Amino acid sequence: MKTSLFIIIVLISGAFAGFIHGTVNFAIVEPYLDQAIGIENQNLFATGDEEDTPEFWVEYEGYRVWQKSGQILAGVILGISVGALFGIVFALSRNSLPGNNDRKKALVLAGVMWFTIYIIPFLKYPANPPTVGDSETVVIRAILYLSFIAISGIGAVVFYKLSKKFQNKKKLVSLIGYAVFISAVFFVMPENPDEITASMSLVNEFRLMSALGVTSFWVSIGVILGFLWNRFESHKETTPHYN
């Protein structure tokens, strides 16, 4: 595949998957954010950090409208960034991925990346609404989460490379090796430093909606890139060449 076509496919796939992700988030995550921020505002009023005045609510509503209006655009930008990574990994691993066409191969890779760089880190450091977490621990929480993503992703690549040295059922050794490795990392990594003080019902529902939103991205990127790749590769292979 030509480099220019590869770039176009990757950008389109990432942008559309990001658009879907942003739209899903806007529909199912934002209501929980409103609830969480509402609780946070009431806490600010109770402690005297803010005053319950019309001026406060005008400023707050303006900020939330601005924030919500950028939700889908942010999804598109993030989608292009992650989609570029997905496209590169797919191009490098395509020949060794299971599946008899590029659509299935892309879905398999999307599933693997969803599991290794999202689900596993999510189980250790699940998403929390704004009412959970001290602003002073934002940096350390971000470092812990991103570190876990990097460790899980790199570990998956290493054990995948190792699996290529084995044949048939021996490949299972690599899968077991990764499971043991990531389980050890899971228990060694520090816990989230912030105590959850919000309603667990709100927190759990927020986490579920967040997980569904991210999952919609990985399903979308697998379907869209796989479809486009399969279409253009098949077209190239069936186009007659004339001397």
C-alpha atoms as a PDB file:
ATOM      1  CA  MET A   1       0.000   0.000   0.000  1.00  0.00           C
ATOM      2  CA  LYS A   2       1.286   3.460  -0.904  1.00  0.00           C
ATOM      3  CA  THR A   3       2.299   5.687   1.999  1.00  0.00           C
ATOM      4  CA  SER A   4      -0.143   8.423   0.995  1.00  0.00           C
ATOM      5  CA  LEU A   5      -3.071   5.989   0.894  1.00  0.00           C
ATOM      6  CA  PHE A   6      -2.008   4.492   4.222  1.00  0.00           C
ATOM      7  CA  ILE A   7      -1.971   7.935   5.850  1.00  0.00           C
ATOM      8  CA  ILE A   8      -5.396   8.825   4.419  1.00  0.00           C
ATOM      9  CA  ILE A   9      -6.934   5.558   5.635  1.00  0.00           C
ATOM     10  CA  VAL A  10      -5.433   5.953   9.103  1.00  0.00           C
ATOM     11  CA  LEU A  11      -6.549   9.584   9.451  1.00  0.00           C
ATOM     12  CA  ILE A  12     -10.086   8.874   8.237  1.00  0.00           C
ATOM     13  CA  SER A  13     -10.416   5.822  10.477  1.00  0.00           C
ATOM     14  CA  GLY A  14      -9.128   7.637  13.538  1.00  0.00           C
ATOM     15  CA  ALA A  15     -11.256  10.737  12.918  1.00  0.00           C
ATOM     16  CA  PHE A  16     -14.492   8.793  12.435  1.00  0.00           C
ATOM     17  CA  ALA A  17     -13.807   6.488  15.401  1.00  0.00           C
ATOM     18  CA  GLY A  18     -12.999   9.558  17.498  1.00  0.00           C
ATOM     19  CA  PHE A  19     -16.207  11.232  16.359  1.00  0.00           C
ATOM     20  CA  ILE A  20     -18.201   8.175  17.424  1.00  0.00           C
ATOM     21  CA  HIS A  21     -16.360   8.088  20.748  1.00  0.00           C
ATOM     22  CA  GLY A  22     -17.011  11.783  21.379  1.00  0.00           C
ATOM     23  CA  THR A  23     -20.683  11.443  20.462  1.00  0.00           C
ATOM     24  CA  VAL A  24     -21.163   8.412  22.719  1.00  0.00           C
ATOM     25  CA  ASN A  25     -19.422  10.208  25.583  1.00  0.00           C
ATOM     26  CA  PHE A  26     -21.618  13.256  25.090  1.00  0.00           C
ATOM     27  CA  ALA A  27     -24.726  11.081  25.209  1.00  0.00           C
ATOM     28  CA  ILE A  28     -23.971   8.700  28.086  1.00  0.00           C
ATOM     29  CA  VAL A  29     -21.069  10.127  30.145  1.00  0.00           C
ATOM     30  CA  GLU A  30     -21.908  13.838  30.313  1.00  0.00           C
ATOM     31  CA  PRO A  31     -25.078  13.345  32.427  1.00  0.00           C
ATOM     32  CA  TYR A  32     -22.959  11.666  35.110  1.00  0.00           C
ATOM     33  CA  LEU A  33     -20.395  14.454  34.895  1.00  0.00           C
ATOM     34  CA  ASP A  34     -23.211  16.953  35.502  1.00  0.00           C
ATOM     35  CA  GLN A  35     -24.279  15.020  38.592  1.00  0.00           C
ATOM     36  CA  ALA A  36     -20.724  14.741  39.906  1.00  0.00           C
ATOM     37  CA  ILE A  37     -19.906  18.409  39.320  1.00  0.00           C
ATOM     38  CA  GLY A  38     -23.211  19.352  40.951  1.00  0.00           C
ATOM     39  CA  ILE A  39     -22.118  17.487  44.103  1.00  0.00           C
ATOM     40  CA  GLU A  40     -18.721  19.154  43.928  1.00  0.00           C
ATOM     41  CA  ASN A  41     -20.366  22.591  43.703  1.00  0.00           C
ATOM     42  CA  GLN A  42     -22.515  21.876  46.755  1.00  0.00           C
ATOM     43  CA  ASN A  43     -19.358  20.874  48.670  1.00  0.00           C
ATOM     44  CA  LEU A  44     -17.718  24.150  47.642  1.00  0.00           C
ATOM     45  CA  PHE A  45     -20.726  26.084  48.936  1.00  0.00           C
ATOM     46  CA  ALA A  46     -20.723  24.107  52.194  1.00  0.00           C
ATOM     47  CA  THR A  47     -17.032  24.787  52.872  1.00  0.00           C
ATOM     48  CA  GLY A  48     -17.279  28.437  51.891  1.00  0.00           C
ATOM     49  CA  ASP A  49     -14.803  28.122  49.023  1.00  0.00           C
ATOM     50  CA  GLU A  50     -17.487  29.442  46.663  1.00  0.00           C
ATOM     51  CA  GLU A  51     -20.711  31.390  47.114  1.00  0.00           C
ATOM     52  CA  ASP A  52     -24.060  30.249  45.713  1.00  0.00           C
ATOM     53  CA  THR A  53     -24.684  33.395  43.687  1.00  0.00           C
ATOM     54  CA  PRO A  54     -26.186  34.109  40.238  1.00  0.00           C
ATOM     55  CA  GLU A  55     -22.728  35.208  39.100  1.00  0.00           C
ATOM     56  CA  PHE A  56     -21.287  31.804  40.032  1.00  0.00           C
ATOM     57  CA  TRP A  57     -23.938  29.942  38.057  1.00  0.00           C
ATOM     58  CA  VAL A  58     -23.558  32.181  35.006  1.00  0.00           C
ATOM     59  CA  GLU A  59     -19.830  31.518  34.972  1.00  0.00           C
ATOM     60  CA  TYR A  60     -20.365  27.810  35.642  1.00  0.00           C
ATOM     61  CA  GLU A  61     -22.959  27.371  32.891  1.00  0.00           C
ATOM     62  CA  GLY A  62     -20.740  29.213  30.408  1.00  0.00           C
ATOM     63  CA  TYR A  63     -17.821  26.958  31.243  1.00  0.00           C
ATOM     64  CA  ARG A  64     -19.880  23.761  30.944  1.00  0.00           C
ATOM     65  CA  VAL A  65     -21.369  24.836  27.602  1.00  0.00           C
ATOM     66  CA  TRP A  66     -17.855  25.512  26.299  1.00  0.00           C
ATOM     67  CA  GLN A  67     -16.644  22.197  27.715  1.00  0.00           C
ATOM     68  CA  LYS A  68     -19.513  20.186  26.222  1.00  0.00           C
ATOM     69  CA  SER A  69     -19.228  21.885  22.839  1.00  0.00           C
ATOM     70  CA  GLY A  70     -15.633  20.686  22.559  1.00  0.00           C
ATOM     71  CA  GLN A  71     -16.438  17.098  23.519  1.00  0.00           C
ATOM     72  CA  ILE A  72     -16.808  15.751  19.992  1.00  0.00           C
ATOM     73  CA  LEU A  73     -13.891  17.771  18.596  1.00  0.00           C
ATOM     74  CA  ALA A  74     -11.680  16.459  21.398  1.00  0.00           C
ATOM     75  CA  GLY A  75     -12.822  12.945  20.511  1.00  0.00           C
ATOM     76  CA  VAL A  76     -11.828  13.455  16.868  1.00  0.00           C
ATOM     77  CA  ILE A  77      -8.377  14.792  17.807  1.00  0.00           C
ATOM     78  CA  LEU A  78      -7.772  11.949  20.253  1.00  0.00           C
ATOM     79  CA  GLY A  79      -9.100   9.465  17.695  1.00  0.00           C
ATOM     80  CA  ILE A  80      -6.621  10.643  15.060  1.00  0.00           C
ATOM     81  CA  SER A  81      -3.746  10.329  17.543  1.00  0.00           C
ATOM     82  CA  VAL A  82      -4.632   6.840  18.776  1.00  0.00           C
ATOM     83  CA  GLY A  83      -5.741   5.832  15.275  1.00  0.00           C
ATOM     84  CA  ALA A  84      -2.264   6.642  13.959  1.00  0.00           C
ATOM     85  CA  LEU A  85      -0.758   4.274  16.519  1.00  0.00           C
ATOM     86  CA  PHE A  86      -3.333   1.614  15.671  1.00  0.00           C
ATOM     87  CA  GLY A  87      -2.644   1.967  11.945  1.00  0.00           C
ATOM     88  CA  ILE A  88       1.112   1.604  12.400  1.00  0.00           C
ATOM     89  CA  VAL A  89       0.721  -1.461  14.626  1.00  0.00           C
ATOM     90  CA  PHE A  90      -1.751  -2.993  12.163  1.00  0.00           C
ATOM     91  CA  ALA A  91       0.582  -2.440   9.215  1.00  0.00           C
ATOM     92  CA  LEU A  92       3.484  -4.072  11.087  1.00  0.00           C
ATOM     93  CA  SER A  93       1.511  -7.037  12.452  1.00  0.00           C
ATOM     94  CA  ARG A  94      -1.072  -7.575   9.697  1.00  0.00           C
ATOM     95  CA  ASN A  95       0.518 -10.676   8.179  1.00  0.00           C
ATOM     96  CA  SER A  96       0.694 -12.480  11.514  1.00  0.00           C
ATOM     97  CA  LEU A  97      -2.782 -11.565  12.803  1.00  0.00           C
ATOM     98  CA  PRO A  98      -5.466 -14.293  12.708  1.00  0.00           C
ATOM     99  CA  GLY A  99      -8.320 -13.887  10.227  1.00  0.00           C
ATOM    100  CA  ASN A 100      -8.872 -14.509   6.526  1.00  0.00           C
ATOM    101  CA  ASN A 101      -9.388 -10.835   5.634  1.00  0.00           C
ATOM    102  CA  ASP A 102      -8.310  -7.411   6.829  1.00  0.00           C
ATOM    103  CA  ARG A 103     -11.649  -6.671   8.487  1.00  0.00           C
ATOM    104  CA  LYS A 104     -11.251  -9.597  10.874  1.00  0.00           C
ATOM    105  CA  LYS A 105      -7.554  -8.903  11.403  1.00  0.00           C
ATOM    106  CA  ALA A 106      -8.257  -5.258  12.327  1.00  0.00           C
ATOM    107  CA  LEU A 107     -10.977  -6.304  14.790  1.00  0.00           C
ATOM    108  CA  VAL A 108      -8.638  -8.824  16.402  1.00  0.00           C
ATOM    109  CA  LEU A 109      -5.934  -6.180  16.828  1.00  0.00           C
ATOM    110  CA  ALA A 110      -8.469  -3.662  18.151  1.00  0.00           C
ATOM    111  CA  GLY A 111      -9.602  -6.246  20.694  1.00  0.00           C
ATOM    112  CA  VAL A 112      -6.041  -6.967  21.799  1.00  0.00           C
ATOM    113  CA  MET A 113      -5.154  -3.277  22.154  1.00  0.00           C
ATOM    114  CA  TRP A 114      -8.474  -2.537  23.917  1.00  0.00           C
ATOM    115  CA  PHE A 115      -7.694  -5.262  26.441  1.00  0.00           C
ATOM    116  CA  THR A 116      -3.998  -4.576  27.020  1.00  0.00           C
ATOM    117  CA  ILE A 117      -3.859  -0.775  27.030  1.00  0.00           C
ATOM    118  CA  TYR A 118      -7.343   0.012  28.297  1.00  0.00           C
ATOM    119  CA  ILE A 119      -9.123  -2.768  30.207  1.00  0.00           C
ATOM    120  CA  ILE A 120      -6.146  -3.966  32.259  1.00  0.00           C
ATOM    121  CA  PRO A 121      -5.070  -0.421  33.304  1.00  0.00           C
ATOM    122  CA  PHE A 122      -8.757   0.414  33.882  1.00  0.00           C
ATOM    123  CA  LEU A 123      -9.094  -2.481  36.324  1.00  0.00           C
ATOM    124  CA  LYS A 124      -6.189  -1.098  38.356  1.00  0.00           C
ATOM    125  CA  TYR A 125      -7.001   2.590  38.009  1.00  0.00           C
ATOM    126  CA  PRO A 126     -10.693   2.885  37.033  1.00  0.00           C
ATOM    127  CA  ALA A 127     -12.064   6.215  35.838  1.00  0.00           C
ATOM    128  CA  ASN A 128     -13.536   8.429  38.543  1.00  0.00           C
ATOM    129  CA  PRO A 129     -15.908  11.411  38.266  1.00  0.00           C
ATOM    130  CA  PRO A 130     -14.743  14.919  39.289  1.00  0.00           C
ATOM    131  CA  THR A 131     -15.985  14.453  42.869  1.00  0.00           C
ATOM    132  CA  VAL A 132     -13.298  11.811  43.442  1.00  0.00           C
ATOM    133  CA  GLY A 133      -9.689  12.906  43.676  1.00  0.00           C
ATOM    134  CA  ASP A 134      -7.618  15.677  45.183  1.00  0.00           C
ATOM    135  CA  SER A 135      -6.307  18.289  42.755  1.00  0.00           C
ATOM    136  CA  GLU A 136      -2.890  17.958  44.416  1.00  0.00           C
ATOM    137  CA  THR A 137      -2.634  14.294  43.370  1.00  0.00           C
ATOM    138  CA  VAL A 138      -3.575  14.774  39.700  1.00  0.00           C
ATOM    139  CA  VAL A 139       0.024  14.493  38.495  1.00  0.00           C
ATOM    140  CA  ILE A 140       0.861  11.339  40.457  1.00  0.00           C
ATOM    141  CA  ARG A 141      -2.421   9.703  39.394  1.00  0.00           C
ATOM    142  CA  ALA A 142      -1.696  10.524  35.737  1.00  0.00           C
ATOM    143  CA  ILE A 143       1.843   9.124  36.043  1.00  0.00           C
ATOM    144  CA  LEU A 144       0.593   5.893  37.610  1.00  0.00           C
ATOM    145  CA  TYR A 145      -2.083   5.395  34.950  1.00  0.00           C
ATOM    146  CA  LEU A 146       0.157   6.179  31.986  1.00  0.00           C
ATOM    147  CA  SER A 147       2.937   4.027  33.430  1.00  0.00           C
ATOM    148  CA  PHE A 148       0.581   1.080  33.716  1.00  0.00           C
ATOM    149  CA  ILE A 149      -0.551   1.562  30.111  1.00  0.00           C
ATOM    150  CA  ALA A 150       3.067   1.649  28.923  1.00  0.00           C
ATOM    151  CA  ILE A 151       4.055  -1.426  30.948  1.00  0.00           C
ATOM    152  CA  SER A 152       1.053  -3.423  29.754  1.00  0.00           C
ATOM    153  CA  GLY A 153       1.513  -2.385  26.129  1.00  0.00           C
ATOM    154  CA  ILE A 154       5.254  -3.043  26.049  1.00  0.00           C
ATOM    155  CA  GLY A 155       4.749  -6.330  27.887  1.00  0.00           C
ATOM    156  CA  ALA A 156       2.182  -7.430  25.293  1.00  0.00           C
ATOM    157  CA  VAL A 157       4.610  -6.621  22.452  1.00  0.00           C
ATOM    158  CA  VAL A 158       7.487  -8.484  24.127  1.00  0.00           C
ATOM    159  CA  PHE A 159       5.447 -11.616  24.768  1.00  0.00           C
ATOM    160  CA  TYR A 160       3.974 -11.422  21.253  1.00  0.00           C
ATOM    161  CA  LYS A 161       7.502 -11.383  19.826  1.00  0.00           C
ATOM    162  CA  LEU A 162       8.347 -14.306  22.075  1.00  0.00           C
ATOM    163  CA  SER A 163       5.313 -16.257  20.848  1.00  0.00           C
ATOM    164  CA  LYS A 164       6.631 -16.109  17.276  1.00  0.00           C
ATOM    165  CA  LYS A 165       9.554 -18.274  18.365  1.00  0.00           C
ATOM    166  CA  PHE A 166       7.171 -21.053  19.409  1.00  0.00           C
ATOM    167  CA  GLN A 167       5.059 -23.380  17.312  1.00  0.00           C
ATOM    168  CA  ASN A 168       1.446 -24.511  17.699  1.00  0.00           C
ATOM    169  CA  LYS A 169       0.347 -25.052  21.308  1.00  0.00           C
ATOM    170  CA  LYS A 170       3.666 -23.811  22.667  1.00  0.00           C
ATOM    171  CA  LYS A 171       2.496 -20.294  21.813  1.00  0.00           C
ATOM    172  CA  LEU A 172       0.274 -20.612  24.873  1.00  0.00           C
ATOM    173  CA  VAL A 173       3.432 -20.257  26.969  1.00  0.00           C
ATOM    174  CA  SER A 174       3.710 -16.608  25.885  1.00  0.00           C
ATOM    175  CA  LEU A 175       0.093 -15.899  26.797  1.00  0.00           C
ATOM    176  CA  ILE A 176       0.582 -17.448  30.231  1.00  0.00           C
ATOM    177  CA  GLY A 177       3.822 -15.523  30.592  1.00  0.00           C
ATOM    178  CA  TYR A 178       2.071 -12.222  29.881  1.00  0.00           C
ATOM    179  CA  ALA A 179      -0.733 -13.096  32.315  1.00  0.00           C
ATOM    180  CA  VAL A 180       1.788 -13.832  35.090  1.00  0.00           C
ATOM    181  CA  PHE A 181       3.800 -10.698  34.267  1.00  0.00           C
ATOM    182  CA  ILE A 182       0.858  -8.298  34.218  1.00  0.00           C
ATOM    183  CA  SER A 183      -0.634  -9.887  37.354  1.00  0.00           C
ATOM    184  CA  ALA A 184       2.636  -9.207  39.193  1.00  0.00           C
ATOM    185  CA  VAL A 185       2.670  -5.616  37.912  1.00  0.00           C
ATOM    186  CA  PHE A 186      -0.968  -5.227  38.963  1.00  0.00           C
ATOM    187  CA  PHE A 187      -0.140  -6.028  42.575  1.00  0.00           C
ATOM    188  CA  VAL A 188       3.177  -4.177  42.679  1.00  0.00           C
ATOM    189  CA  MET A 189       1.884  -0.858  41.307  1.00  0.00           C
ATOM    190  CA  PRO A 190       0.683   1.579  44.015  1.00  0.00           C
ATOM    191  CA  GLU A 191      -3.015   2.023  44.673  1.00  0.00           C
ATOM    192  CA  ASN A 192      -4.920   5.172  43.740  1.00  0.00           C
ATOM    193  CA  PRO A 193      -3.887   7.655  46.465  1.00  0.00           C
ATOM    194  CA  ASP A 194      -7.357   9.251  46.738  1.00  0.00           C
ATOM    195  CA  GLU A 195     -10.151   7.934  48.907  1.00  0.00           C
ATOM    196  CA  ILE A 196     -13.571   7.644  47.272  1.00  0.00           C
ATOM    197  CA  THR A 197     -15.993   9.869  49.159  1.00  0.00           C
ATOM    198  CA  ALA A 198     -18.730  10.145  46.546  1.00  0.00           C
ATOM    199  CA  SER A 199     -21.703   7.800  46.203  1.00  0.00           C
ATOM    200  CA  MET A 200     -20.471   4.426  44.929  1.00  0.00           C
ATOM    201  CA  SER A 201     -23.615   4.168  42.826  1.00  0.00           C
ATOM    202  CA  LEU A 202     -22.635   7.333  40.934  1.00  0.00           C
ATOM    203  CA  VAL A 203     -18.983   6.263  40.705  1.00  0.00           C
ATOM    204  CA  ASN A 204     -19.775   2.780  39.376  1.00  0.00           C
ATOM    205  CA  GLU A 205     -22.304   4.062  36.832  1.00  0.00           C
ATOM    206  CA  PHE A 206     -19.801   6.693  35.668  1.00  0.00           C
ATOM    207  CA  ARG A 207     -17.120   4.013  35.276  1.00  0.00           C
ATOM    208  CA  LEU A 208     -19.462   1.770  33.299  1.00  0.00           C
ATOM    209  CA  MET A 209     -20.455   4.581  30.932  1.00  0.00           C
ATOM    210  CA  SER A 210     -16.805   5.614  30.507  1.00  0.00           C
ATOM    211  CA  ALA A 211     -15.860   2.025  29.666  1.00  0.00           C
ATOM    212  CA  LEU A 212     -18.666   1.819  27.100  1.00  0.00           C
ATOM    213  CA  GLY A 213     -17.498   5.079  25.545  1.00  0.00           C
ATOM    214  CA  VAL A 214     -13.900   3.901  25.149  1.00  0.00           C
ATOM    215  CA  THR A 215     -15.058   0.496  23.917  1.00  0.00           C
ATOM    216  CA  SER A 216     -17.099   2.227  21.198  1.00  0.00           C
ATOM    217  CA  PHE A 217     -13.847   3.783  19.958  1.00  0.00           C
ATOM    218  CA  TRP A 218     -11.941   0.496  19.722  1.00  0.00           C
ATOM    219  CA  VAL A 219     -14.814  -1.290  18.003  1.00  0.00           C
ATOM    220  CA  SER A 220     -15.164   1.623  15.571  1.00  0.00           C
ATOM    221  CA  ILE A 221     -11.466   1.895  14.727  1.00  0.00           C
ATOM    222  CA  GLY A 222     -11.290  -1.857  14.085  1.00  0.00           C
ATOM    223  CA  VAL A 223     -14.367  -1.886  11.845  1.00  0.00           C
ATOM    224  CA  ILE A 224     -13.568   1.299   9.893  1.00  0.00           C
ATOM    225  CA  LEU A 225      -9.853   0.731   9.310  1.00  0.00           C
ATOM    226  CA  GLY A 226     -10.432  -2.940   8.523  1.00  0.00           C
ATOM    227  CA  PHE A 227     -13.142  -2.075   6.004  1.00  0.00           C
ATOM    228  CA  LEU A 228     -11.078   0.624   4.274  1.00  0.00           C
ATOM    229  CA  TRP A 229      -7.905  -1.444   4.250  1.00  0.00           C
ATOM    230  CA  ASN A 230      -9.698  -4.488   2.894  1.00  0.00           C
ATOM    231  CA  ARG A 231     -11.457  -2.430   0.246  1.00  0.00           C
ATOM    232  CA  PHE A 232      -8.382  -0.689  -1.118  1.00  0.00           C
ATOM    233  CA  GLU A 233      -6.085  -3.700  -0.868  1.00  0.00           C
ATOM    234  CA  SER A 234      -8.682  -5.887  -2.631  1.00  0.00           C
ATOM    235  CA  HIS A 235      -9.141  -3.208  -5.298  1.00  0.00           C
ATOM    236  CA  LYS A 236      -5.400  -3.072  -5.865  1.00  0.00           C
ATOM    237  CA  GLU A 237      -5.162  -6.842  -6.178  1.00  0.00           C
ATOM    238  CA  THR A 238      -8.057  -7.116  -8.659  1.00  0.00           C
ATOM    239  CA  THR A 239      -7.087  -4.174 -10.840  1.00  0.00           C
ATOM    240  CA  PRO A 240      -5.680  -5.496 -14.147  1.00  0.00           C
ATOM    241  CA  HIS A 241      -2.210  -4.357 -15.136  1.00  0.00           C
ATOM    242  CA  TYR A 242      -1.445  -3.621 -18.772  1.00  0.00           C
ATOM    243  CA  ASN A 243       1.954  -3.603 -20.380  1.00  0.00           C
END
